[in-house]
Amino acid sequence: MHPRFNNGTKPITFDHLDYSRSIQNAGWTALILDPIIDGLQFTQVLMDGGSDLNLLYPDTIRKLGIDPTKIHHSRTSFKGVTPGPYAKCTGSLLLEFVFGSPENFRREKLIFHVAPFKSGHQALLGREAFAHFNAIPYYASLTLKMPGPRGISLKGRSRPRTRLGESGINKLGAP
């Protein structure tokens, strides 16, 4: 059964119109999107359907200016990302997350776990986020689709727009 747009009237599909010949190594390239998290536009969010968790990194939290009292204690740990048997999250927080455009968007509250290490991305969205949004990725075309007022189709890119040293985070309406 296909997830559907518009209360069941239009199925989510992928076809030749979604595919871009400009994508090198299609299917082997990371899906990077530009969502809005907690009211700020991000430019380097990794969509990882192989991960269980949604992660934020210490640099991202610092650049966002998140009040430390919003970060709750977490006993969550995970493995396979850092050397050693596992990594323990330093906390978690609930943030508003938006995909789409001002005319056609989806908004959900997501739990983010704070990773105890740096990353070249600002955040990582795992299966939990895909499930909340009922989103379907198609890595061969770097596309993410989900139900929305008119169906939401997001094109990702294979490389971040900014360098690691730049924030890549802008307040809405800022250049």
C-alpha atoms as a PDB file:
ATOM      1  CA  MET A   1       0.000   0.000   0.000  1.00  0.00           C
ATOM      2  CA  HIS A   2       1.368   3.421  -0.953  1.00  0.00           C
ATOM      3  CA  PRO A   3       1.258   6.370   1.439  1.00  0.00           C
ATOM      4  CA  ARG A   4      -1.081   8.965  -0.031  1.00  0.00           C
ATOM      5  CA  PHE A   5      -1.257  12.738  -0.474  1.00  0.00           C
ATOM      6  CA  ASN A   6      -4.397  14.807   0.025  1.00  0.00           C
ATOM      7  CA  ASN A   7      -6.247  12.446   2.363  1.00  0.00           C
ATOM      8  CA  GLY A   8      -5.834   9.441   0.098  1.00  0.00           C
ATOM      9  CA  THR A   9      -6.398  10.982  -3.321  1.00  0.00           C
ATOM     10  CA  LYS A  10      -2.869  10.921  -4.758  1.00  0.00           C
ATOM     11  CA  PRO A  11      -0.279   8.172  -4.124  1.00  0.00           C
ATOM     12  CA  ILE A  12       3.381   8.991  -3.508  1.00  0.00           C
ATOM     13  CA  THR A  13       5.284   7.841  -6.581  1.00  0.00           C
ATOM     14  CA  PHE A  14       8.738   8.232  -8.091  1.00  0.00           C
ATOM     15  CA  ASP A  15       9.333   8.269 -11.835  1.00  0.00           C
ATOM     16  CA  HIS A  16      11.728   9.533 -14.504  1.00  0.00           C
ATOM     17  CA  LEU A  17      10.790  13.142 -13.689  1.00  0.00           C
ATOM     18  CA  ASP A  18      12.358  12.731 -10.237  1.00  0.00           C
ATOM     19  CA  TYR A  19      15.667  11.510 -11.618  1.00  0.00           C
ATOM     20  CA  SER A  20      18.526  13.917 -12.358  1.00  0.00           C
ATOM     21  CA  ARG A  21      21.404  12.894 -14.609  1.00  0.00           C
ATOM     22  CA  SER A  22      23.588  15.447 -12.803  1.00  0.00           C
ATOM     23  CA  ILE A  23      23.753  13.253  -9.682  1.00  0.00           C
ATOM     24  CA  GLN A  24      27.012  11.357  -9.660  1.00  0.00           C
ATOM     25  CA  ASN A  25      27.080   7.958  -7.950  1.00  0.00           C
ATOM     26  CA  ALA A  26      23.270   7.860  -7.719  1.00  0.00           C
ATOM     27  CA  GLY A  27      22.144   5.698  -4.832  1.00  0.00           C
ATOM     28  CA  TRP A  28      25.500   6.040  -3.064  1.00  0.00           C
ATOM     29  CA  THR A  29      25.227   9.736  -2.270  1.00  0.00           C
ATOM     30  CA  ALA A  30      23.957  11.156   1.025  1.00  0.00           C
ATOM     31  CA  LEU A  31      20.604  12.966   1.009  1.00  0.00           C
ATOM     32  CA  ILE A  32      21.120  16.473   2.439  1.00  0.00           C
ATOM     33  CA  LEU A  33      18.135  18.811   2.898  1.00  0.00           C
ATOM     34  CA  ASP A  34      17.413  22.383   4.058  1.00  0.00           C
ATOM     35  CA  PRO A  35      14.605  22.179   6.647  1.00  0.00           C
ATOM     36  CA  ILE A  36      13.525  24.660   9.302  1.00  0.00           C
ATOM     37  CA  ILE A  37      14.308  23.604  12.860  1.00  0.00           C
ATOM     38  CA  ASP A  38      13.013  25.636  15.790  1.00  0.00           C
ATOM     39  CA  GLY A  39      12.287  28.584  13.477  1.00  0.00           C
ATOM     40  CA  LEU A  40      15.723  28.676  11.823  1.00  0.00           C
ATOM     41  CA  GLN A  41      16.639  27.657   8.267  1.00  0.00           C
ATOM     42  CA  PHE A  42      19.257  24.904   8.176  1.00  0.00           C
ATOM     43  CA  THR A  43      21.388  23.988   5.154  1.00  0.00           C
ATOM     44  CA  GLN A  44      23.202  20.781   6.103  1.00  0.00           C
ATOM     45  CA  VAL A  45      20.780  18.199   7.512  1.00  0.00           C
ATOM     46  CA  LEU A  46      21.610  14.594   6.706  1.00  0.00           C
ATOM     47  CA  MET A  47      18.655  12.272   6.098  1.00  0.00           C
ATOM     48  CA  ASP A  48      19.727   8.801   7.264  1.00  0.00           C
ATOM     49  CA  GLY A  49      17.144   6.054   6.886  1.00  0.00           C
ATOM     50  CA  GLY A  50      19.612   3.625   8.476  1.00  0.00           C
ATOM     51  CA  SER A  51      19.738   5.481  11.799  1.00  0.00           C
ATOM     52  CA  ASP A  52      17.246   5.099  14.646  1.00  0.00           C
ATOM     53  CA  LEU A  53      17.829   8.534  16.182  1.00  0.00           C
ATOM     54  CA  ASN A  54      17.504  12.203  15.306  1.00  0.00           C
ATOM     55  CA  LEU A  55      20.750  13.869  16.354  1.00  0.00           C
ATOM     56  CA  LEU A  56      21.922  17.415  16.987  1.00  0.00           C
ATOM     57  CA  TYR A  57      25.578  18.189  17.548  1.00  0.00           C
ATOM     58  CA  PRO A  58      27.192  20.464  20.171  1.00  0.00           C
ATOM     59  CA  ASP A  59      28.249  23.052  17.539  1.00  0.00           C
ATOM     60  CA  THR A  60      24.688  23.258  16.215  1.00  0.00           C
ATOM     61  CA  ILE A  61      23.230  23.723  19.694  1.00  0.00           C
ATOM     62  CA  ARG A  62      25.776  26.460  20.451  1.00  0.00           C
ATOM     63  CA  LYS A  63      25.073  28.268  17.149  1.00  0.00           C
ATOM     64  CA  LEU A  64      21.316  28.019  17.738  1.00  0.00           C
ATOM     65  CA  GLY A  65      21.700  29.586  21.169  1.00  0.00           C
ATOM     66  CA  ILE A  66      19.510  26.900  22.740  1.00  0.00           C
ATOM     67  CA  ASP A  67      18.803  27.501  26.408  1.00  0.00           C
ATOM     68  CA  PRO A  68      20.553  24.676  28.336  1.00  0.00           C
ATOM     69  CA  THR A  69      17.425  24.259  30.500  1.00  0.00           C
ATOM     70  CA  LYS A  70      15.578  23.008  27.373  1.00  0.00           C
ATOM     71  CA  ILE A  71      17.981  20.043  27.209  1.00  0.00           C
ATOM     72  CA  HIS A  72      16.690  17.102  29.237  1.00  0.00           C
ATOM     73  CA  HIS A  73      18.710  14.270  30.743  1.00  0.00           C
ATOM     74  CA  SER A  74      18.972  11.271  28.421  1.00  0.00           C
ATOM     75  CA  ARG A  75      20.002   7.680  28.975  1.00  0.00           C
ATOM     76  CA  THR A  76      20.095   7.033  25.240  1.00  0.00           C
ATOM     77  CA  SER A  77      23.217   5.462  23.785  1.00  0.00           C
ATOM     78  CA  PHE A  78      24.038   4.170  20.328  1.00  0.00           C
ATOM     79  CA  LYS A  79      26.820   2.320  18.557  1.00  0.00           C
ATOM     80  CA  GLY A  80      28.424   2.095  15.161  1.00  0.00           C
ATOM     81  CA  VAL A  81      29.136   5.818  14.788  1.00  0.00           C
ATOM     82  CA  THR A  82      32.213   6.420  16.932  1.00  0.00           C
ATOM     83  CA  PRO A  83      35.205   4.263  17.855  1.00  0.00           C
ATOM     84  CA  GLY A  84      34.492   2.124  20.879  1.00  0.00           C
ATOM     85  CA  PRO A  85      31.545   0.035  21.993  1.00  0.00           C
ATOM     86  CA  TYR A  86      28.975   2.878  22.135  1.00  0.00           C
ATOM     87  CA  ALA A  87      28.395   6.617  22.504  1.00  0.00           C
ATOM     88  CA  LYS A  88      26.109   8.100  25.156  1.00  0.00           C
ATOM     89  CA  CYS A  89      23.917  11.088  24.277  1.00  0.00           C
ATOM     90  CA  THR A  90      24.449  14.123  26.465  1.00  0.00           C
ATOM     91  CA  GLY A  91      20.743  15.037  26.485  1.00  0.00           C
ATOM     92  CA  SER A  92      17.597  15.381  24.404  1.00  0.00           C
ATOM     93  CA  LEU A  93      15.180  18.129  23.448  1.00  0.00           C
ATOM     94  CA  LEU A  94      11.906  18.595  21.603  1.00  0.00           C
ATOM     95  CA  LEU A  95      12.050  20.988  18.648  1.00  0.00           C
ATOM     96  CA  GLU A  96       9.642  22.059  15.925  1.00  0.00           C
ATOM     97  CA  PHE A  97      10.670  20.787  12.497  1.00  0.00           C
ATOM     98  CA  VAL A  98       9.285  22.048   9.147  1.00  0.00           C
ATOM     99  CA  PHE A  99       9.644  20.603   5.633  1.00  0.00           C
ATOM    100  CA  GLY A 100       8.394  22.364   2.498  1.00  0.00           C
ATOM    101  CA  SER A 101       7.690  25.917   1.414  1.00  0.00           C
ATOM    102  CA  PRO A 102       5.580  28.644   3.067  1.00  0.00           C
ATOM    103  CA  GLU A 103       2.700  27.734   0.714  1.00  0.00           C
ATOM    104  CA  ASN A 104       2.973  23.940   1.121  1.00  0.00           C
ATOM    105  CA  PHE A 105       4.572  22.555   4.271  1.00  0.00           C
ATOM    106  CA  ARG A 106       4.450  19.979   7.063  1.00  0.00           C
ATOM    107  CA  ARG A 107       5.272  20.788  10.678  1.00  0.00           C
ATOM    108  CA  GLU A 108       5.982  18.242  13.429  1.00  0.00           C
ATOM    109  CA  LYS A 109       7.622  18.230  16.863  1.00  0.00           C
ATOM    110  CA  LEU A 110      10.605  15.863  16.943  1.00  0.00           C
ATOM    111  CA  ILE A 111      12.846  14.624  19.732  1.00  0.00           C
ATOM    112  CA  PHE A 112      16.518  15.271  19.046  1.00  0.00           C
ATOM    113  CA  HIS A 113      19.292  13.568  20.975  1.00  0.00           C
ATOM    114  CA  VAL A 114      22.490  15.519  21.580  1.00  0.00           C
ATOM    115  CA  ALA A 115      25.472  13.632  20.186  1.00  0.00           C
ATOM    116  CA  PRO A 116      28.720  13.784  22.177  1.00  0.00           C
ATOM    117  CA  PHE A 117      30.824  14.518  19.083  1.00  0.00           C
ATOM    118  CA  LYS A 118      31.186  16.915  16.129  1.00  0.00           C
ATOM    119  CA  SER A 119      29.891  16.361  12.616  1.00  0.00           C
ATOM    120  CA  GLY A 120      30.145  17.996   9.220  1.00  0.00           C
ATOM    121  CA  HIS A 121      26.339  18.203   9.273  1.00  0.00           C
ATOM    122  CA  GLN A 122      24.135  20.337  11.519  1.00  0.00           C
ATOM    123  CA  ALA A 123      21.706  17.534  12.320  1.00  0.00           C
ATOM    124  CA  LEU A 124      20.882  13.962  11.381  1.00  0.00           C
ATOM    125  CA  LEU A 125      17.333  12.734  10.873  1.00  0.00           C
ATOM    126  CA  GLY A 126      16.746   9.020  11.240  1.00  0.00           C
ATOM    127  CA  ARG A 127      13.821   6.630  10.823  1.00  0.00           C
ATOM    128  CA  GLU A 128      11.919   8.310  13.658  1.00  0.00           C
ATOM    129  CA  ALA A 129      11.626  11.509  11.573  1.00  0.00           C
ATOM    130  CA  PHE A 130      10.738   9.571   8.411  1.00  0.00           C
ATOM    131  CA  ALA A 131       7.905   7.881  10.357  1.00  0.00           C
ATOM    132  CA  HIS A 132       6.594  11.149  11.905  1.00  0.00           C
ATOM    133  CA  PHE A 133       6.344  12.758   8.468  1.00  0.00           C
ATOM    134  CA  ASN A 134       5.363   9.523   6.672  1.00  0.00           C
ATOM    135  CA  ALA A 135       8.236  10.465   4.338  1.00  0.00           C
ATOM    136  CA  ILE A 136       9.716   8.259   1.652  1.00  0.00           C
ATOM    137  CA  PRO A 137      13.299   8.829   0.440  1.00  0.00           C
ATOM    138  CA  TYR A 138      14.534   7.917  -3.009  1.00  0.00           C
ATOM    139  CA  TYR A 139      18.305   8.072  -2.813  1.00  0.00           C
ATOM    140  CA  ALA A 140      18.870   7.494  -6.550  1.00  0.00           C
ATOM    141  CA  SER A 141      17.381  10.927  -7.246  1.00  0.00           C
ATOM    142  CA  LEU A 142      18.095  12.539  -3.848  1.00  0.00           C
ATOM    143  CA  THR A 143      14.373  13.147  -3.360  1.00  0.00           C
ATOM    144  CA  LEU A 144      12.194  12.987  -0.254  1.00  0.00           C
ATOM    145  CA  LYS A 145       8.405  12.909  -0.627  1.00  0.00           C
ATOM    146  CA  MET A 146       5.679  13.086   2.005  1.00  0.00           C
ATOM    147  CA  PRO A 147       1.992  13.849   2.392  1.00  0.00           C
ATOM    148  CA  GLY A 148       1.135  17.537   2.610  1.00  0.00           C
ATOM    149  CA  PRO A 149      -1.510  20.016   1.482  1.00  0.00           C
ATOM    150  CA  ARG A 150      -0.438  19.458  -2.142  1.00  0.00           C
ATOM    151  CA  GLY A 151       2.085  16.681  -1.602  1.00  0.00           C
ATOM    152  CA  ILE A 152       5.617  17.699  -0.646  1.00  0.00           C
ATOM    153  CA  SER A 153       8.550  16.744  -2.847  1.00  0.00           C
ATOM    154  CA  LEU A 154      11.989  17.909  -1.697  1.00  0.00           C
ATOM    155  CA  LYS A 155      15.144  17.739  -3.788  1.00  0.00           C
ATOM    156  CA  GLY A 156      18.300  17.210  -1.807  1.00  0.00           C
ATOM    157  CA  ARG A 157      21.859  17.703  -2.842  1.00  0.00           C
ATOM    158  CA  SER A 158      24.951  15.633  -2.463  1.00  0.00           C
ATOM    159  CA  ARG A 159      27.241  18.270  -0.939  1.00  0.00           C
ATOM    160  CA  PRO A 160      26.655  20.875   1.764  1.00  0.00           C
ATOM    161  CA  ARG A 161      26.430  24.477   0.522  1.00  0.00           C
ATOM    162  CA  THR A 162      28.665  25.837   3.252  1.00  0.00           C
ATOM    163  CA  ARG A 163      32.010  24.872   4.677  1.00  0.00           C
ATOM    164  CA  LEU A 164      32.206  23.237   8.089  1.00  0.00           C
ATOM    165  CA  GLY A 165      33.418  26.488   9.677  1.00  0.00           C
ATOM    166  CA  GLU A 166      30.363  28.435   8.468  1.00  0.00           C
ATOM    167  CA  SER A 167      27.166  28.143  10.402  1.00  0.00           C
ATOM    168  CA  GLY A 168      24.777  27.368   7.549  1.00  0.00           C
ATOM    169  CA  ILE A 169      21.995  28.450   9.919  1.00  0.00           C
ATOM    170  CA  ASN A 170      19.980  31.580   9.180  1.00  0.00           C
ATOM    171  CA  LYS A 171      17.078  33.205  10.948  1.00  0.00           C
ATOM    172  CA  LEU A 172      14.040  33.120   8.717  1.00  0.00           C
ATOM    173  CA  GLY A 173      14.035  36.102   6.400  1.00  0.00           C
ATOM    174  CA  ALA A 174      17.796  36.637   6.776  1.00  0.00           C
ATOM    175  CA  PRO A 175      19.992  36.396   3.656  1.00  0.00           C
END
